[in-house]
Protein backbone atom coordinates (compact mmCIF):
# COMPACT_ATOMS: atom_id res chain seq x y z
CA MET A 1 110.38 48.11 118.66
CA ARG A 2 109.92 50.45 115.56
CA LYS A 3 106.06 51.08 116.66
CA LEU A 4 107.32 51.40 120.54
CA LEU A 5 109.80 54.36 119.28
CA ILE A 6 107.22 55.99 117.02
CA GLY A 7 105.08 56.27 119.98
CA VAL A 8 107.20 57.79 122.01
CA ILE A 9 107.82 60.16 119.57
CA MET A 10 104.33 61.03 119.36
CA LEU A 11 103.99 61.40 123.00
CA VAL A 12 107.15 63.63 123.52
CA SER A 13 105.65 65.98 120.20
CA GLN A 14 102.33 66.13 122.07
CA PHE A 15 103.82 67.14 125.53
CA SER A 16 105.59 69.25 124.05
CA VAL A 17 102.87 71.41 122.05
CA ALA A 18 101.09 71.15 125.37
CA GLN A 19 103.82 73.00 126.74
CA ILE A 20 104.19 75.46 124.32
CA SER A 21 100.31 75.67 124.41
CA ASN A 22 100.07 76.49 128.34
CA LEU A 23 103.25 79.11 128.15
CA ASN A 24 101.74 80.67 125.42
CA MET A 25 98.88 81.27 127.60
CA ASN A 26 100.63 82.21 130.98
CA GLY A 27 97.92 83.87 133.22
CA VAL A 28 95.59 83.94 136.41
CA PRO A 29 91.78 83.02 136.04
CA ALA A 30 89.73 86.16 135.50
CA ARG A 31 88.03 87.36 138.63
CA LEU A 32 84.38 87.76 138.92
CA SER A 33 83.45 90.90 138.02
CA SER A 34 83.01 93.71 140.53
CA TYR A 35 81.34 95.76 138.20
CA ALA A 36 77.47 94.86 138.48
CA GLY A 37 75.12 98.07 138.83
CA ILE A 38 78.25 100.31 137.36
CA GLU A 39 76.88 102.35 134.08
CA GLY A 40 79.31 101.75 130.86
CA SER A 41 81.79 99.08 130.47
CA PRO A 42 85.78 99.02 131.57
CA TYR A 43 86.64 97.39 128.42
CA LEU A 44 87.74 98.45 125.09
CA PHE A 45 85.14 96.80 123.18
CA GLN A 46 82.52 95.19 125.04
CA ASP A 47 82.30 92.34 122.75
CA TRP A 48 84.86 89.73 122.47
CA ALA A 49 87.00 89.75 119.50
CA LYS A 50 89.96 88.07 118.26
CA ALA A 51 93.84 89.27 118.53
CA ASP A 52 97.35 87.70 117.69
CA ILE A 53 99.48 87.60 120.78
CA GLY A 54 103.05 87.40 120.74
CA THR A 55 105.30 86.44 123.73
CA THR A 56 108.54 86.41 125.34
CA ASN A 57 108.55 82.54 126.02
CA ALA A 58 107.14 80.55 123.59
CA GLY A 59 106.09 82.37 120.40
CA LEU A 60 103.07 84.17 118.59
CA LYS A 61 99.53 82.88 119.28
CA GLU A 62 97.25 83.74 116.72
CA ASP A 63 93.47 84.43 116.80
CA VAL A 64 92.99 84.32 120.28
CA ALA A 65 89.38 85.31 121.74
CA TYR A 66 90.38 88.87 123.63
CA ARG A 67 89.05 91.55 125.94
CA PHE A 68 90.84 94.40 126.74
CA ASN A 69 89.71 95.41 130.28
CA VAL A 70 91.24 98.97 130.17
CA HIS A 71 90.47 100.13 133.27
CA ASP A 72 92.69 97.38 135.38
CA ASN A 73 95.08 97.17 132.13
CA GLU A 74 94.75 93.81 132.21
CA LEU A 75 94.33 91.35 128.46
CA GLU A 76 91.34 88.83 129.29
CA VAL A 77 91.64 86.10 127.11
CA ILE A 78 90.25 82.49 126.81
CA ASN A 79 92.73 80.08 126.80
CA GLU A 80 93.19 76.33 125.09
CA ALA A 81 91.05 74.85 127.77
CA GLY A 82 88.21 77.09 127.27
CA ASN A 83 88.86 79.17 130.57
CA THR A 84 88.90 83.33 130.73
CA ILE A 85 92.24 84.23 132.25
CA TYR A 86 93.90 87.43 132.85
CA LEU A 87 97.19 87.16 130.70
CA ASP A 88 100.42 87.47 132.85
CA LYS A 89 102.12 90.87 131.17
CA ASP A 90 105.47 89.49 132.23
CA TYR A 91 105.49 87.20 128.98
CA VAL A 92 103.35 89.28 126.83
CA GLU A 93 105.81 91.04 124.26
CA TYR A 94 102.74 92.22 122.15
CA ALA A 95 99.36 92.04 120.82
CA VAL A 96 97.35 92.89 117.94
CA LEU A 97 93.78 93.45 118.35
CA GLU A 98 90.77 92.97 115.56
CA ARG A 99 88.37 95.60 116.03
CA PRO A 100 84.88 94.45 115.97
CA SER A 101 83.99 95.03 112.64
CA ILE A 102 80.75 97.02 113.46
CA LEU A 103 83.09 99.84 115.04
CA ILE A 104 84.81 99.53 111.28
CA ALA A 105 81.48 100.21 109.32
CA THR A 106 80.57 102.65 111.92
CA GLY A 107 83.29 104.28 113.35
CA GLN A 108 85.13 107.34 112.72
CA GLU A 109 87.20 107.80 108.91
CA GLY A 110 90.05 106.53 109.06
CA MET A 111 89.88 104.08 112.09
CA LEU A 112 93.10 101.34 111.80
CA PRO A 113 90.92 97.74 111.70
CA THR A 114 93.93 96.48 114.28
CA LEU A 115 95.66 98.08 117.43
CA LEU A 116 99.10 97.05 118.25
CA ILE A 117 99.53 97.48 122.20
CA LYS A 118 102.66 97.13 123.55
CA LYS A 119 104.57 97.47 127.29
CA GLY A 120 107.95 99.15 127.55
CA PHE A 121 106.22 102.86 128.23
CA GLY A 122 107.23 103.86 131.58
CA MET A 123 108.85 107.03 130.43
CA VAL A 124 105.14 108.68 129.71
CA LYS A 125 103.60 109.50 133.27
CA GLY A 126 100.63 107.47 134.30
CA VAL A 127 102.21 104.37 132.37
CA GLY A 128 103.70 101.73 134.51
CA SER A 129 106.78 99.79 132.94
CA ASN A 130 104.20 96.92 132.61
CA ASP A 131 101.07 98.45 131.29
CA LEU A 132 99.83 98.03 127.65
CA VAL A 133 99.51 101.02 125.46
CA ASN A 134 98.54 101.26 122.03
CA VAL A 135 101.61 102.03 119.78
CA ILE A 136 100.43 103.68 116.85
CA ALA A 137 103.84 104.75 115.30
CA GLU A 138 107.30 103.36 116.09
CA GLY A 139 110.50 104.95 114.77
CA LYS A 140 113.96 105.92 115.26
CA LYS A 141 112.67 109.83 115.89
CA TYR A 142 109.46 109.52 116.84
CA THR A 143 107.19 107.33 118.74
CA LEU A 144 103.57 108.22 119.13
CA VAL A 145 101.43 105.76 122.16
CA ARG A 146 97.74 105.95 123.23
CA LYS A 147 96.71 105.04 126.55
CA PHE A 148 93.60 103.85 126.75
CA TYR A 149 91.63 104.23 130.33
CA THR A 150 87.99 104.40 132.08
CA ASP A 151 87.77 106.27 134.69
CA LEU A 152 85.51 104.66 137.53
CA VAL A 153 83.66 108.19 138.47
CA THR A 154 80.60 109.47 140.52
CA PRO A 155 78.70 111.77 139.05
CA PRO A 156 77.09 114.91 140.56
CA VAL A 157 73.55 114.09 142.66
CA ASN A 158 71.99 116.80 139.51
CA SER A 159 73.68 115.09 136.75
CA TYR A 160 71.98 113.22 133.92
CA ALA A 161 73.12 109.76 134.63
CA PRO A 162 70.75 107.10 134.00
CA SER A 163 71.23 106.09 137.50
CA PRO A 164 72.77 106.96 140.94
CA GLY A 165 76.34 105.02 141.87
CA LYS A 166 79.08 105.11 139.92
CA MET A 167 79.91 105.21 136.10
CA PHE A 168 82.56 104.36 133.52
CA VAL A 169 84.40 107.45 131.33
CA PHE A 170 86.25 106.14 128.41
CA GLU A 171 89.41 108.58 128.20
CA GLU A 172 92.14 108.42 125.50
CA ASN A 173 95.15 110.37 126.01
CA PHE A 174 98.46 110.53 123.35
CA PHE A 175 101.86 111.12 123.95
CA LEU A 176 104.76 111.53 121.90
CA ILE A 177 107.97 110.21 122.61
CA ASP A 178 111.37 111.69 120.54
CA SER A 179 114.76 109.36 120.56
CA ASP A 180 115.90 111.07 123.40
CA GLU A 181 112.50 109.72 125.56
CA ASN A 182 111.60 113.24 125.84
CA VAL A 183 107.16 112.62 126.51
CA GLN A 184 104.65 115.30 125.36
CA SER A 185 101.19 114.84 125.79
CA VAL A 186 99.48 115.66 122.47
CA LYS A 187 95.81 115.50 120.47
CA ASN A 188 95.22 113.81 117.36
CA LYS A 189 95.19 117.11 115.65
CA THR A 190 97.33 118.34 112.99
CA LYS A 191 98.35 121.42 114.83
CA SER A 192 99.22 119.80 118.09
CA VAL A 193 100.90 117.15 116.54
CA LEU A 194 103.31 119.45 114.32
CA LYS A 195 103.71 121.96 117.64
CA ALA A 196 105.41 118.81 119.70
CA LEU A 197 107.96 118.10 116.97
CA ARG A 198 111.56 119.45 117.44
CA GLU A 199 111.95 122.59 115.58
CA GLU A 200 114.56 121.12 112.90
CA ASP A 201 111.97 118.52 111.75
CA GLN A 202 108.33 120.92 111.51
CA ALA A 203 109.34 122.51 108.13
CA LYS A 204 109.81 118.78 106.71
CA ALA A 205 106.86 117.76 108.74
CA LYS A 206 104.35 120.56 107.39
CA GLU A 207 105.52 119.60 104.07
CA LEU A 208 104.66 116.17 104.31
CA VAL A 209 101.07 117.25 105.85
CA LYS A 210 100.87 119.75 102.49
CA GLU A 211 101.78 117.02 99.87
CA ASN A 212 100.06 114.03 101.24
CA LYS A 213 96.99 116.30 102.46
CA PHE A 214 97.18 114.06 105.82
CA ASP A 215 94.52 114.84 108.50
CA LEU A 216 96.26 114.10 111.71
CA SER A 217 93.16 113.32 113.45
CA ARG A 218 92.59 110.35 111.52
CA GLU A 219 94.42 107.31 112.74
CA ASP A 220 95.69 105.90 109.00
CA HIS A 221 97.01 109.29 108.48
CA LEU A 222 98.79 109.83 111.38
CA THR A 223 100.39 105.99 111.28
CA VAL A 224 101.71 106.77 107.50
CA PHE A 225 102.54 110.44 108.67
CA PHE A 226 104.97 109.22 111.18
CA GLN A 227 106.52 106.34 109.07
CA LYS A 228 107.45 108.93 106.53
CA LEU A 229 109.20 111.50 109.05
CA ASN A 230 110.82 108.64 110.63
CA ASP A 231 112.24 108.22 107.05
CA VAL A 232 113.65 111.31 106.70
């Protein structure tokens, strides 16, 4: 009887884990690529990398292989069964995406090793309520988000495109959101960011930049700058 009880408990436990596992990775099978013959890539990073993904229905899933299709705003992952799926964003609360190490080694100074992406920024023009954007800073006064996108364009006939036909062009746009959800498009430049702040915050912001020698074209400086400004 004792052995039977233990067996039932183990079976229930395994079933529960399987349920959580499946719930963590809700999604649909990835479509066959329709991008053959198109120059460039629809992905934020071409290579697969790792991500920690927080779900609203089953907690945190760590070290998930991912690619972020920023043209379609789809998070493509490999699930427990080894299948490639597009995650159902209704169940995605956030994801922390690792940058491929080669980009950290060869990229711009101050590049962050991970990127936080979240949804819920439908107040930004061109961003749906379920779209995933990169959150660089988030606080009581200001939130700074970045939208990654690859636009599919047809180069002019006389351009220097490698081949005729369509090509992906990568874009990133920064948006500053204040506590009243007023949104401004900004550049990742010190002058642009300071100008977009509320008038009553500009003197303190300039002081922070001067004291800490912030260069707001750097991701790491942007993050720390807004942490300090939001704590004032």
